[in-house]
Amino acid sequence: MRINAVVNENQLNEIQNRLGQFKKKTPNVVASALNRGMSNMQANIKREVRKEYHIKAGDIDVTLQKNRANKGNLSASVASIGGVIPLDKFKVSPKSINPKRKSTISVAVRKDGTKKFKGAFMTDINGPKLFIRVKKTRLPIERLFGPSIPQMIGREEIVQRIQREGQETFDRRLDYEIDRILGRA
């Protein structure tokens, strides 16, 4: 999942007109505003995903890659790259390891509900992990996985909120950078 921000020719002309005699500083102003907008989008991605999913911010942050703008390249992006996440990273109840447990384990991936996994069990293999038996025999077992971070971010309403807030930050920072350049003169 990638979210891009690019400044078009019309916007550049408008910024140059606003800067007047300092129009040579246009690439620096735009790059600075784009980078602040991307930082805001990165923070918003974590906030918006955590509103709907039981996931830690650190697990989201690991998948995010930010490409910064500079005066030679007036585009910036935030991308999320990663595979499916083990279900034990979400809200598991009960989370304790008990080989004699008879109750079913339930997992809440999204904040609006839980799902029970009959036959699932927690075990300690370099930390607690959630498994389920494939057959009635003791082996083989499979680790249970949920959605990936890019899938969570890719929901339409989440993308729209992130882009809207990122655009607002870009516009505010653009005005600030222009005022800063003009204020120095």
Protein backbone atom coordinates (compact mmCIF):
# COMPACT_ATOMS: atom_id res chain seq x y z
CA MET A 1 0.00 0.00 0.00
CA ARG A 2 1.54 3.33 -1.08
CA ILE A 3 0.30 6.87 -0.49
CA ASN A 4 1.91 9.50 -2.73
CA ALA A 5 2.02 13.29 -2.67
CA VAL A 6 3.11 15.18 -5.78
CA VAL A 7 2.93 18.89 -6.58
CA ASN A 8 1.67 19.72 -10.09
CA GLU A 9 2.71 22.55 -12.42
CA ASN A 10 -0.24 24.81 -11.55
CA GLN A 11 0.53 24.60 -7.83
CA LEU A 12 4.20 25.40 -8.50
CA ASN A 13 3.26 28.48 -10.54
CA GLU A 14 0.93 29.68 -7.78
CA ILE A 15 3.67 29.21 -5.15
CA GLN A 16 6.18 31.09 -7.32
CA ASN A 17 3.72 33.97 -7.69
CA ARG A 18 3.24 34.11 -3.92
CA LEU A 19 7.01 34.11 -3.32
CA GLY A 20 7.56 36.93 -5.84
CA GLN A 21 11.24 37.87 -5.96
CA PHE A 22 12.16 34.76 -3.93
CA LYS A 23 10.73 32.33 -6.49
CA LYS A 24 14.09 30.51 -6.65
CA LYS A 25 13.26 29.13 -3.19
CA THR A 26 10.10 27.39 -4.48
CA PRO A 27 11.62 23.85 -4.56
CA ASN A 28 12.90 24.19 -0.98
CA VAL A 29 9.53 25.46 0.26
CA VAL A 30 7.59 22.68 -1.48
CA ALA A 31 9.98 19.91 -0.39
CA SER A 32 9.83 21.04 3.23
CA ALA A 33 6.02 21.18 3.20
CA LEU A 34 5.77 17.77 1.48
CA ASN A 35 8.07 16.16 4.03
CA ARG A 36 6.03 17.55 6.92
CA GLY A 37 2.86 16.27 5.25
CA MET A 38 4.41 12.81 4.86
CA SER A 39 5.45 12.76 8.53
CA ASN A 40 1.87 13.63 9.43
CA MET A 41 0.56 10.85 7.17
CA GLN A 42 2.90 8.34 8.79
CA ALA A 43 1.58 9.26 12.25
CA ASN A 44 -2.01 9.22 10.96
CA ILE A 45 -1.56 5.75 9.49
CA LYS A 46 -0.67 4.40 12.91
CA ARG A 47 -3.49 6.32 14.61
CA GLU A 48 -6.21 5.36 12.10
CA VAL A 49 -5.27 1.68 11.95
CA ARG A 50 -5.19 1.46 15.74
CA LYS A 51 -8.69 2.97 15.92
CA GLU A 52 -10.10 -0.09 14.16
CA TYR A 53 -7.61 -2.90 14.91
CA HIS A 54 -6.01 -4.36 18.05
CA ILE A 55 -2.40 -3.86 16.94
CA LYS A 56 0.61 -2.12 18.47
CA ALA A 57 2.01 1.04 16.86
CA GLY A 58 5.46 -0.57 16.73
CA ASP A 59 4.13 -3.44 14.60
CA ILE A 60 2.74 -0.89 12.14
CA ASP A 61 5.85 1.30 12.16
CA VAL A 62 8.09 -1.60 11.13
CA THR A 63 6.24 -1.92 7.81
CA LEU A 64 6.31 1.79 6.90
CA GLN A 65 8.87 3.21 4.46
CA LYS A 66 9.00 6.95 3.88
CA ASN A 67 10.50 8.52 0.72
CA ARG A 68 11.31 12.15 1.37
CA ALA A 69 11.08 15.01 -1.11
CA ASN A 70 14.03 17.23 -1.94
CA LYS A 71 14.49 20.26 -4.17
CA GLY A 72 15.33 18.01 -7.14
CA ASN A 73 12.42 15.60 -6.61
CA LEU A 74 9.16 17.23 -5.55
CA SER A 75 7.30 14.08 -4.60
CA ALA A 76 7.07 12.16 -1.34
CA SER A 77 5.43 8.91 -0.34
CA VAL A 78 4.73 6.58 2.54
CA ALA A 79 4.53 2.88 1.73
CA SER A 80 3.57 -0.08 3.88
CA ILE A 81 5.23 -3.34 2.91
CA GLY A 82 4.76 -6.53 4.85
CA GLY A 83 3.16 -9.92 5.04
CA VAL A 84 0.41 -11.36 7.19
CA ILE A 85 0.68 -10.90 10.94
CA PRO A 86 0.42 -13.77 13.43
CA LEU A 87 -2.85 -13.75 15.37
CA ASP A 88 -0.94 -13.72 18.66
CA LYS A 89 0.02 -10.07 17.89
CA PHE A 90 -3.66 -9.13 18.25
CA LYS A 91 -5.92 -9.37 21.30
CA VAL A 92 -5.97 -13.03 22.38
CA SER A 93 -8.04 -14.24 25.30
CA PRO A 94 -6.86 -16.05 27.37
CA LYS A 95 -3.23 -15.26 26.51
CA SER A 96 -1.66 -17.48 29.16
CA ILE A 97 -0.14 -20.82 28.24
CA ASN A 98 -2.04 -23.72 29.83
CA PRO A 99 -1.76 -27.18 28.24
CA LYS A 100 -4.82 -28.46 30.13
CA ARG A 101 -7.15 -25.64 29.02
CA LYS A 102 -10.58 -26.80 27.93
CA SER A 103 -12.05 -23.38 27.01
CA THR A 104 -11.74 -22.10 23.46
CA ILE A 105 -9.37 -19.27 22.62
CA SER A 106 -10.93 -16.15 21.14
CA VAL A 107 -9.09 -13.53 19.08
CA ALA A 108 -10.14 -9.94 18.39
CA VAL A 109 -8.42 -8.59 15.29
CA ARG A 110 -10.81 -5.67 14.78
CA LYS A 111 -12.24 -3.66 17.63
CA ASP A 112 -15.83 -4.52 16.68
CA GLY A 113 -15.78 -8.23 17.51
CA THR A 114 -14.03 -11.47 18.42
CA LYS A 115 -13.77 -14.86 16.80
CA LYS A 116 -13.45 -18.17 18.63
CA PHE A 117 -10.92 -20.75 17.42
CA LYS A 118 -11.96 -24.21 18.54
CA GLY A 119 -8.90 -26.37 19.08
CA ALA A 120 -6.44 -23.46 19.04
CA PHE A 121 -3.79 -23.35 21.74
CA MET A 122 -1.01 -21.08 22.99
CA THR A 123 2.49 -22.44 23.31
CA ASP A 124 5.86 -20.95 24.21
CA ILE A 125 8.25 -21.14 21.26
CA ASN A 126 10.51 -18.09 21.70
CA GLY A 127 7.53 -16.29 23.21
CA PRO A 128 3.81 -17.10 23.23
CA LYS A 129 2.43 -18.17 19.85
CA LEU A 130 -1.03 -19.33 18.71
CA PHE A 131 -1.36 -22.65 16.87
CA ILE A 132 -4.08 -25.03 15.74
CA ARG A 133 -3.90 -28.73 14.92
CA VAL A 134 -4.40 -29.63 11.27
CA LYS A 135 -5.58 -33.19 11.99
CA LYS A 136 -6.83 -35.04 15.05
CA THR A 137 -3.33 -36.36 15.65
CA ARG A 138 -0.77 -34.44 17.69
CA LEU A 139 1.12 -33.23 14.63
CA PRO A 140 1.05 -31.35 12.23
CA ILE A 141 0.19 -27.97 13.67
CA GLU A 142 -0.18 -24.58 11.93
CA ARG A 143 0.41 -21.09 13.21
CA LEU A 144 -2.64 -18.83 12.85
CA PHE A 145 -2.31 -15.55 10.93
CA GLY A 146 -4.43 -12.43 10.48
CA PRO A 147 -4.38 -9.65 7.89
CA SER A 148 -1.28 -7.71 6.87
CA ILE A 149 -0.69 -4.05 7.74
CA PRO A 150 -1.04 -3.01 4.05
CA GLN A 151 -4.47 -4.70 3.99
CA MET A 152 -5.52 -2.79 7.11
CA ILE A 153 -4.32 0.53 5.68
CA GLY A 154 -5.90 -0.23 2.30
CA ARG A 155 -9.47 0.09 3.56
CA GLU A 156 -11.04 2.98 1.63
CA GLU A 157 -12.26 5.02 4.61
CA ILE A 158 -8.84 4.80 6.30
CA VAL A 159 -7.02 5.94 3.14
CA GLN A 160 -9.38 8.89 2.68
CA ARG A 161 -8.93 10.10 6.28
CA ILE A 162 -5.13 9.79 6.04
CA GLN A 163 -4.95 11.66 2.73
CA ARG A 164 -7.32 14.41 3.88
CA GLU A 165 -5.34 15.11 7.06
CA GLY A 166 -2.03 14.90 5.16
CA GLN A 167 -3.26 17.43 2.60
CA GLU A 168 -4.38 19.81 5.37
CA THR A 169 -0.94 19.58 6.98
CA PHE A 170 0.76 20.18 3.62
CA ASP A 171 -1.36 23.30 3.00
CA ARG A 172 -0.65 24.71 6.49
CA ARG A 173 3.07 24.02 6.19
CA LEU A 174 3.20 25.54 2.71
CA ASP A 175 1.69 28.77 4.04
CA TYR A 176 4.11 28.69 6.98
CA GLU A 177 7.17 28.15 4.75
CA ILE A 178 6.14 30.94 2.38
CA ASP A 179 5.55 33.33 5.30
CA ARG A 180 8.91 32.36 6.75
CA ILE A 181 10.76 33.13 3.49
CA LEU A 182 8.91 36.41 3.00
CA GLY A 183 9.34 37.36 6.66
CA ARG A 184 13.13 37.09 6.44
CA ALA A 185 13.28 39.60 3.59
